[in-house]
């Protein structure tokens, strides 16, 4: 038996744009259901916002997202979560880093570190903090 996990990102009106961006970085299939699609529109101006969305790619990438309706509290927060992206090769990780870093704030540049062949941290243009590294065999 196995369990799969996915990061679920919460936005206020940016979910579709974020999911489209992540699809452009990682590939895969984008699925979006709006509040209107689901017949769950409580605020007419939010009808086309994302009630449920995801990107799933053949390389294992999976992220889910939605737009928190205005009648519910929402705060982007600071450091409330990181998305950890770990690849097997420097080439793979560097390509993802290059695309994610578009309009991003670099917290720690992608570079060799004591714990990984490459490690970096950035806050993307949607305020999501990504820690990116190359897997390193632990020799504990």
N, C-alpha and C. Protein backbone atom coordinates (compact mmCIF):
# COMPACT_ATOMS: atom_id res chain seq x y z
N UNK A 1 0.84 -1.18 0.00
CA UNK A 1 0.00 0.00 0.00
C UNK A 1 0.89 1.24 0.00
N UNK A 2 0.48 2.27 -0.70
CA UNK A 2 1.27 3.50 -0.75
C UNK A 2 0.38 4.71 -0.51
N UNK A 3 1.04 5.77 -0.11
CA UNK A 3 0.36 7.04 0.12
C UNK A 3 1.06 8.09 -0.71
N UNK A 4 0.30 8.94 -1.36
CA UNK A 4 0.86 10.05 -2.13
C UNK A 4 0.52 11.36 -1.43
N UNK A 5 1.44 12.29 -1.46
CA UNK A 5 1.17 13.60 -0.89
C UNK A 5 1.32 14.66 -1.96
N UNK A 6 0.65 15.76 -1.77
CA UNK A 6 0.76 16.90 -2.68
C UNK A 6 0.68 18.18 -1.86
N UNK A 7 1.42 19.15 -2.25
CA UNK A 7 1.31 20.46 -1.63
C UNK A 7 0.01 21.09 -2.12
N UNK A 8 -0.75 21.66 -1.19
CA UNK A 8 -1.98 22.37 -1.55
C UNK A 8 -1.76 23.84 -1.23
N UNK A 9 -1.76 24.66 -2.26
CA UNK A 9 -1.48 26.09 -2.12
C UNK A 9 -2.79 26.87 -2.12
N UNK A 10 -2.88 27.85 -1.24
CA UNK A 10 -4.08 28.66 -1.10
C UNK A 10 -3.78 30.09 -1.55
N UNK A 11 -4.60 30.59 -2.45
CA UNK A 11 -4.41 31.92 -3.02
C UNK A 11 -5.67 32.76 -2.84
N UNK A 12 -5.57 34.00 -3.20
CA UNK A 12 -6.74 34.89 -3.21
C UNK A 12 -6.80 35.50 -4.61
N UNK A 13 -7.29 34.70 -5.56
CA UNK A 13 -7.48 35.19 -6.92
C UNK A 13 -6.35 34.88 -7.88
N UNK A 14 -5.25 34.28 -7.42
CA UNK A 14 -4.09 34.00 -8.29
C UNK A 14 -3.89 32.52 -8.59
N UNK A 15 -4.78 31.66 -8.15
CA UNK A 15 -4.54 30.21 -8.27
C UNK A 15 -4.37 29.77 -9.72
N UNK A 16 -5.21 30.22 -10.63
CA UNK A 16 -5.10 29.79 -12.03
C UNK A 16 -3.76 30.23 -12.62
N UNK A 17 -3.38 31.48 -12.37
CA UNK A 17 -2.10 31.98 -12.89
C UNK A 17 -0.93 31.19 -12.30
N UNK A 18 -1.00 30.89 -11.01
CA UNK A 18 0.07 30.12 -10.37
C UNK A 18 0.15 28.71 -10.95
N UNK A 19 -0.98 28.03 -11.07
CA UNK A 19 -0.98 26.68 -11.62
C UNK A 19 -0.47 26.66 -13.06
N UNK A 20 -0.87 27.64 -13.85
CA UNK A 20 -0.39 27.73 -15.23
C UNK A 20 1.12 27.93 -15.27
N UNK A 21 1.62 28.77 -14.37
CA UNK A 21 3.06 28.99 -14.27
C UNK A 21 3.78 27.69 -13.89
N UNK A 22 3.29 26.98 -12.88
CA UNK A 22 3.94 25.75 -12.45
C UNK A 22 3.89 24.70 -13.55
N UNK A 23 2.81 24.66 -14.32
CA UNK A 23 2.75 23.75 -15.46
C UNK A 23 3.83 24.10 -16.48
N UNK A 24 4.07 25.41 -16.69
CA UNK A 24 5.10 25.82 -17.66
C UNK A 24 6.49 25.43 -17.19
N UNK A 25 6.69 25.36 -15.88
CA UNK A 25 7.99 24.98 -15.32
C UNK A 25 8.18 23.47 -15.35
N UNK A 26 7.18 22.71 -14.90
CA UNK A 26 7.34 21.27 -14.68
C UNK A 26 6.67 20.39 -15.73
N UNK A 27 5.85 21.00 -16.62
CA UNK A 27 5.11 20.19 -17.58
C UNK A 27 3.90 19.57 -16.90
N UNK A 28 3.30 18.61 -17.58
CA UNK A 28 2.17 17.89 -16.99
C UNK A 28 0.83 18.43 -17.42
N UNK A 29 -0.18 17.94 -16.75
CA UNK A 29 -1.56 18.28 -17.08
C UNK A 29 -2.14 19.21 -16.03
N UNK A 30 -2.82 20.24 -16.50
CA UNK A 30 -3.48 21.22 -15.65
C UNK A 30 -4.98 20.92 -15.65
N UNK A 31 -5.56 20.85 -14.46
CA UNK A 31 -7.01 20.68 -14.32
C UNK A 31 -7.51 21.78 -13.39
N UNK A 32 -8.60 22.43 -13.79
CA UNK A 32 -9.17 23.52 -13.00
C UNK A 32 -10.69 23.40 -12.99
N UNK A 33 -11.27 23.54 -11.82
CA UNK A 33 -12.72 23.63 -11.65
C UNK A 33 -12.97 24.97 -10.97
N UNK A 34 -13.77 25.82 -11.60
CA UNK A 34 -14.09 27.12 -11.01
C UNK A 34 -15.31 26.98 -10.09
N UNK A 35 -15.54 28.02 -9.31
CA UNK A 35 -16.73 28.03 -8.47
C UNK A 35 -17.99 27.96 -9.33
N UNK A 36 -17.97 28.62 -10.48
CA UNK A 36 -19.12 28.56 -11.38
C UNK A 36 -19.32 27.15 -11.93
N UNK A 37 -18.21 26.49 -12.32
CA UNK A 37 -18.30 25.12 -12.83
C UNK A 37 -18.98 24.20 -11.82
N UNK A 38 -18.69 24.41 -10.55
CA UNK A 38 -19.21 23.54 -9.49
C UNK A 38 -20.57 24.00 -8.97
N UNK A 39 -21.09 25.11 -9.50
CA UNK A 39 -22.36 25.64 -9.02
C UNK A 39 -22.26 26.12 -7.57
N UNK A 40 -21.10 26.66 -7.22
CA UNK A 40 -20.86 27.06 -5.84
C UNK A 40 -20.40 28.52 -5.76
N UNK A 41 -21.05 29.37 -6.56
CA UNK A 41 -20.68 30.78 -6.58
C UNK A 41 -21.45 31.53 -5.50
N UNK A 42 -20.71 32.04 -4.52
CA UNK A 42 -21.34 32.83 -3.46
C UNK A 42 -21.15 34.31 -3.70
N UNK A 43 -20.09 34.67 -4.41
CA UNK A 43 -19.79 36.06 -4.76
C UNK A 43 -19.61 36.10 -6.27
N UNK A 44 -20.49 36.79 -7.01
CA UNK A 44 -20.43 36.77 -8.47
C UNK A 44 -19.06 37.14 -9.06
N UNK A 45 -18.32 38.02 -8.41
CA UNK A 45 -17.02 38.41 -8.95
C UNK A 45 -15.98 37.29 -8.81
N UNK A 46 -16.29 36.25 -8.04
CA UNK A 46 -15.37 35.14 -7.83
C UNK A 46 -15.76 33.89 -8.61
N UNK A 47 -16.77 34.00 -9.47
CA UNK A 47 -17.31 32.84 -10.17
C UNK A 47 -16.25 32.09 -10.98
N UNK A 48 -15.32 32.81 -11.59
CA UNK A 48 -14.31 32.16 -12.43
C UNK A 48 -13.01 31.88 -11.70
N UNK A 49 -13.00 32.06 -10.39
CA UNK A 49 -11.82 31.70 -9.61
C UNK A 49 -11.79 30.19 -9.38
N UNK A 50 -10.64 29.70 -9.00
CA UNK A 50 -10.41 28.26 -8.88
C UNK A 50 -10.95 27.73 -7.55
N UNK A 51 -11.91 26.82 -7.65
CA UNK A 51 -12.40 26.12 -6.47
C UNK A 51 -11.53 24.90 -6.20
N UNK A 52 -11.02 24.30 -7.24
CA UNK A 52 -10.11 23.16 -7.14
C UNK A 52 -9.26 23.13 -8.40
N UNK A 53 -7.96 22.97 -8.21
CA UNK A 53 -7.08 22.87 -9.37
C UNK A 53 -5.83 22.09 -9.02
N UNK A 54 -5.20 21.55 -10.05
CA UNK A 54 -3.96 20.81 -9.83
C UNK A 54 -3.15 20.73 -11.11
N UNK A 55 -1.86 20.47 -10.92
CA UNK A 55 -0.95 20.11 -12.00
C UNK A 55 -0.31 18.80 -11.58
N UNK A 56 -0.39 17.81 -12.47
CA UNK A 56 0.27 16.52 -12.26
C UNK A 56 1.13 16.26 -13.49
N UNK A 57 2.42 15.97 -13.24
CA UNK A 57 3.35 15.70 -14.33
C UNK A 57 3.90 14.28 -14.21
N UNK A 58 4.28 13.72 -15.33
CA UNK A 58 4.83 12.37 -15.36
C UNK A 58 6.13 12.22 -14.60
N UNK A 59 6.80 13.34 -14.33
CA UNK A 59 8.07 13.29 -13.60
C UNK A 59 7.87 13.22 -12.08
N UNK A 60 6.61 13.14 -11.63
CA UNK A 60 6.31 13.04 -10.20
C UNK A 60 5.84 14.34 -9.57
N UNK A 61 5.94 15.45 -10.30
CA UNK A 61 5.49 16.74 -9.74
C UNK A 61 3.97 16.73 -9.60
N UNK A 62 3.48 17.19 -8.44
CA UNK A 62 2.04 17.29 -8.20
C UNK A 62 1.81 18.44 -7.22
N UNK A 63 1.00 19.40 -7.63
CA UNK A 63 0.63 20.51 -6.76
C UNK A 63 -0.86 20.78 -6.95
N UNK A 64 -1.52 21.14 -5.86
CA UNK A 64 -2.92 21.49 -5.90
C UNK A 64 -3.07 22.93 -5.42
N UNK A 65 -4.14 23.59 -5.83
CA UNK A 65 -4.34 24.98 -5.42
C UNK A 65 -5.81 25.37 -5.55
N UNK A 66 -6.17 26.41 -4.79
CA UNK A 66 -7.49 27.00 -4.95
C UNK A 66 -7.45 28.45 -4.51
N UNK A 67 -8.50 29.18 -4.88
CA UNK A 67 -8.67 30.57 -4.45
C UNK A 67 -9.61 30.58 -3.25
N UNK A 68 -9.10 31.04 -2.11
CA UNK A 68 -9.91 31.14 -0.90
C UNK A 68 -10.97 32.21 -1.14
N UNK A 69 -12.24 31.88 -0.96
CA UNK A 69 -13.29 32.88 -1.19
C UNK A 69 -13.16 34.05 -0.21
N UNK A 70 -13.65 35.20 -0.65
CA UNK A 70 -13.51 36.42 0.15
C UNK A 70 -14.25 36.36 1.49
N UNK A 71 -15.24 35.49 1.62
CA UNK A 71 -15.95 35.41 2.90
C UNK A 71 -15.18 34.61 3.95
N UNK A 72 -14.06 34.00 3.56
CA UNK A 72 -13.22 33.26 4.50
C UNK A 72 -11.93 34.03 4.76
N UNK A 73 -11.38 33.92 5.96
CA UNK A 73 -10.11 34.60 6.24
C UNK A 73 -8.97 33.98 5.45
N UNK A 74 -8.02 34.81 5.07
CA UNK A 74 -6.84 34.34 4.34
C UNK A 74 -5.71 35.32 4.57
N UNK A 75 -4.54 34.78 4.82
CA UNK A 75 -3.33 35.57 4.99
C UNK A 75 -2.20 34.79 4.37
N UNK A 76 -1.52 35.42 3.43
CA UNK A 76 -0.43 34.74 2.74
C UNK A 76 0.60 34.22 3.73
N UNK A 77 0.80 34.93 4.81
CA UNK A 77 1.71 34.47 5.85
C UNK A 77 3.16 34.55 5.42
N UNK A 78 4.02 34.30 6.34
CA UNK A 78 5.45 34.28 6.09
C UNK A 78 5.99 32.97 6.62
N UNK A 79 6.69 32.24 5.78
CA UNK A 79 7.33 30.99 6.17
C UNK A 79 6.38 29.97 6.79
N UNK A 80 5.13 29.99 6.39
CA UNK A 80 4.18 29.02 6.93
C UNK A 80 4.39 27.64 6.32
N UNK A 81 5.02 27.57 5.16
CA UNK A 81 5.40 26.30 4.56
C UNK A 81 6.44 26.56 3.48
N UNK A 82 7.19 25.53 3.16
CA UNK A 82 8.10 25.54 2.01
C UNK A 82 7.67 24.40 1.11
N UNK A 83 7.88 24.57 -0.16
CA UNK A 83 7.74 23.46 -1.09
C UNK A 83 9.15 22.94 -1.33
N UNK A 84 9.38 21.68 -1.03
CA UNK A 84 10.69 21.08 -1.22
C UNK A 84 10.71 20.39 -2.57
N UNK A 85 11.66 20.80 -3.41
CA UNK A 85 11.82 20.22 -4.74
C UNK A 85 13.20 19.60 -4.81
N UNK A 86 13.24 18.29 -4.87
CA UNK A 86 14.51 17.56 -4.86
C UNK A 86 14.62 16.75 -6.13
N UNK A 87 15.71 16.97 -6.86
CA UNK A 87 15.97 16.22 -8.08
C UNK A 87 17.18 15.33 -7.94
N UNK A 88 17.39 14.49 -8.94
CA UNK A 88 18.50 13.54 -8.89
C UNK A 88 19.78 14.08 -9.49
N UNK A 89 19.67 15.07 -10.40
CA UNK A 89 20.87 15.59 -11.05
C UNK A 89 20.92 17.11 -10.98
N UNK A 90 22.13 17.63 -11.07
CA UNK A 90 22.31 19.09 -11.09
C UNK A 90 21.63 19.71 -12.30
N UNK A 91 21.68 19.04 -13.44
CA UNK A 91 21.07 19.57 -14.65
C UNK A 91 19.56 19.72 -14.49
N UNK A 92 18.93 18.70 -13.94
CA UNK A 92 17.48 18.73 -13.72
C UNK A 92 17.10 19.87 -12.77
N UNK A 93 17.78 19.94 -11.64
CA UNK A 93 17.47 20.95 -10.63
C UNK A 93 17.74 22.35 -11.15
N UNK A 94 18.83 22.53 -11.87
CA UNK A 94 19.18 23.85 -12.41
C UNK A 94 18.13 24.34 -13.39
N UNK A 95 17.59 23.45 -14.21
CA UNK A 95 16.54 23.84 -15.16
C UNK A 95 15.28 24.30 -14.43
N UNK A 96 14.87 23.56 -13.40
CA UNK A 96 13.70 23.98 -12.62
C UNK A 96 13.97 25.31 -11.93
N UNK A 97 15.15 25.45 -11.35
CA UNK A 97 15.53 26.68 -10.65
C UNK A 97 15.44 27.88 -11.60
N UNK A 98 15.98 27.71 -12.78
CA UNK A 98 15.98 28.81 -13.76
C UNK A 98 14.55 29.29 -14.03
N UNK A 99 13.65 28.36 -14.22
CA UNK A 99 12.27 28.75 -14.52
C UNK A 99 11.53 29.29 -13.30
N UNK A 100 11.73 28.66 -12.14
CA UNK A 100 11.06 29.15 -10.93
C UNK A 100 11.55 30.53 -10.53
N UNK A 101 12.79 30.85 -10.83
CA UNK A 101 13.37 32.11 -10.38
C UNK A 101 12.93 33.32 -11.19
N UNK A 102 12.14 33.10 -12.24
CA UNK A 102 11.60 34.22 -13.02
C UNK A 102 10.74 35.10 -12.11
N UNK A 103 11.12 36.35 -11.95
CA UNK A 103 10.44 37.33 -11.10
C UNK A 103 10.39 36.90 -9.63
N UNK A 104 11.34 36.09 -9.20
CA UNK A 104 11.39 35.60 -7.83
C UNK A 104 12.37 36.41 -6.99
N UNK A 105 12.25 36.26 -5.67
CA UNK A 105 13.23 36.80 -4.74
C UNK A 105 14.12 35.64 -4.30
N UNK A 106 15.40 35.74 -4.57
CA UNK A 106 16.33 34.68 -4.20
C UNK A 106 16.68 34.83 -2.72
N UNK A 107 16.35 33.81 -1.93
CA UNK A 107 16.66 33.80 -0.50
C UNK A 107 18.07 33.26 -0.29
N UNK A 108 18.41 32.18 -1.01
CA UNK A 108 19.74 31.58 -0.98
C UNK A 108 20.04 31.11 -2.40
N UNK A 109 21.10 31.62 -3.04
CA UNK A 109 21.39 31.24 -4.42
C UNK A 109 21.62 29.74 -4.55
N UNK A 110 21.29 29.20 -5.72
CA UNK A 110 21.54 27.79 -6.00
C UNK A 110 23.04 27.57 -6.10
N UNK A 111 23.58 26.78 -5.17
CA UNK A 111 25.03 26.57 -5.10
C UNK A 111 25.31 25.32 -4.28
N UNK A 112 26.53 24.79 -4.37
CA UNK A 112 26.90 23.66 -3.52
C UNK A 112 26.77 24.04 -2.05
N UNK A 113 26.39 23.05 -1.23
CA UNK A 113 26.27 23.29 0.21
C UNK A 113 26.86 22.09 0.95
N UNK A 114 27.07 22.22 2.25
CA UNK A 114 27.61 21.09 3.00
C UNK A 114 26.71 19.85 3.00
N UNK A 115 25.41 20.03 2.77
CA UNK A 115 24.48 18.91 2.85
C UNK A 115 23.94 18.44 1.50
N UNK A 116 24.28 19.15 0.43
CA UNK A 116 23.77 18.75 -0.89
C UNK A 116 24.69 19.27 -1.99
N UNK A 117 24.79 18.52 -3.09
CA UNK A 117 25.61 18.99 -4.21
C UNK A 117 25.16 20.36 -4.73
N UNK A 118 23.85 20.63 -4.69
CA UNK A 118 23.29 21.95 -5.01
C UNK A 118 22.11 22.19 -4.08
N UNK A 119 22.00 23.42 -3.59
CA UNK A 119 20.90 23.81 -2.73
C UNK A 119 20.61 25.28 -2.98
N UNK A 120 19.32 25.63 -3.01
CA UNK A 120 18.93 27.03 -3.11
C UNK A 120 17.53 27.21 -2.56
N UNK A 121 17.21 28.47 -2.24
CA UNK A 121 15.87 28.81 -1.74
C UNK A 121 15.44 30.10 -2.41
N UNK A 122 14.18 30.12 -2.85
CA UNK A 122 13.63 31.33 -3.45
C UNK A 122 12.18 31.48 -3.09
N UNK A 123 11.71 32.72 -3.15
CA UNK A 123 10.29 33.01 -3.00
C UNK A 123 9.79 33.41 -4.38
N UNK A 124 8.92 32.59 -4.97
CA UNK A 124 8.48 32.87 -6.33
C UNK A 124 7.54 34.07 -6.38
N UNK A 125 7.15 34.45 -7.57
CA UNK A 125 6.36 35.67 -7.74
C UNK A 125 4.97 35.58 -7.11
N UNK A 126 4.59 34.39 -6.64
CA UNK A 126 3.31 34.22 -5.97
C UNK A 126 3.46 34.15 -4.45
N UNK A 127 4.69 34.33 -3.95
CA UNK A 127 4.93 34.31 -2.51
C UNK A 127 5.17 32.93 -1.96
N UNK A 128 5.31 31.92 -2.82
CA UNK A 128 5.58 30.55 -2.38
C UNK A 128 7.08 30.36 -2.25
N UNK A 129 7.53 29.85 -1.09
CA UNK A 129 8.95 29.63 -0.85
C UNK A 129 9.30 28.19 -1.25
N UNK A 130 10.29 28.08 -2.13
CA UNK A 130 10.76 26.79 -2.64
C UNK A 130 12.17 26.54 -2.12
N UNK A 131 12.42 25.34 -1.56
CA UNK A 131 13.77 24.89 -1.28
C UNK A 131 14.08 23.84 -2.34
N UNK A 132 15.15 24.07 -3.08
CA UNK A 132 15.50 23.25 -4.23
C UNK A 132 16.86 22.63 -3.99
N UNK A 133 16.98 21.32 -4.19
CA UNK A 133 18.29 20.70 -4.01
C UNK A 133 18.43 19.42 -4.83
N UNK A 134 19.67 18.96 -4.91
CA UNK A 134 19.99 17.69 -5.52
C UNK A 134 20.08 16.68 -4.39
N UNK A 135 19.40 15.55 -4.55
CA UNK A 135 19.42 14.52 -3.52
C UNK A 135 20.84 14.08 -3.25
N UNK A 136 21.12 13.86 -1.99
CA UNK A 136 22.43 13.43 -1.55
C UNK A 136 22.25 12.20 -0.67
N UNK A 137 22.96 11.12 -0.97
CA UNK A 137 22.84 9.91 -0.15
C UNK A 137 23.38 10.20 1.25
N UNK A 138 22.56 9.90 2.23
CA UNK A 138 22.96 10.12 3.63
C UNK A 138 23.82 8.93 4.06
N UNK A 139 24.99 9.23 4.55
CA UNK A 139 25.91 8.18 4.97
C UNK A 139 25.98 8.08 6.48
N UNK A 140 24.87 8.36 7.18
CA UNK A 140 24.83 8.40 8.63
C UNK A 140 25.39 7.20 9.27
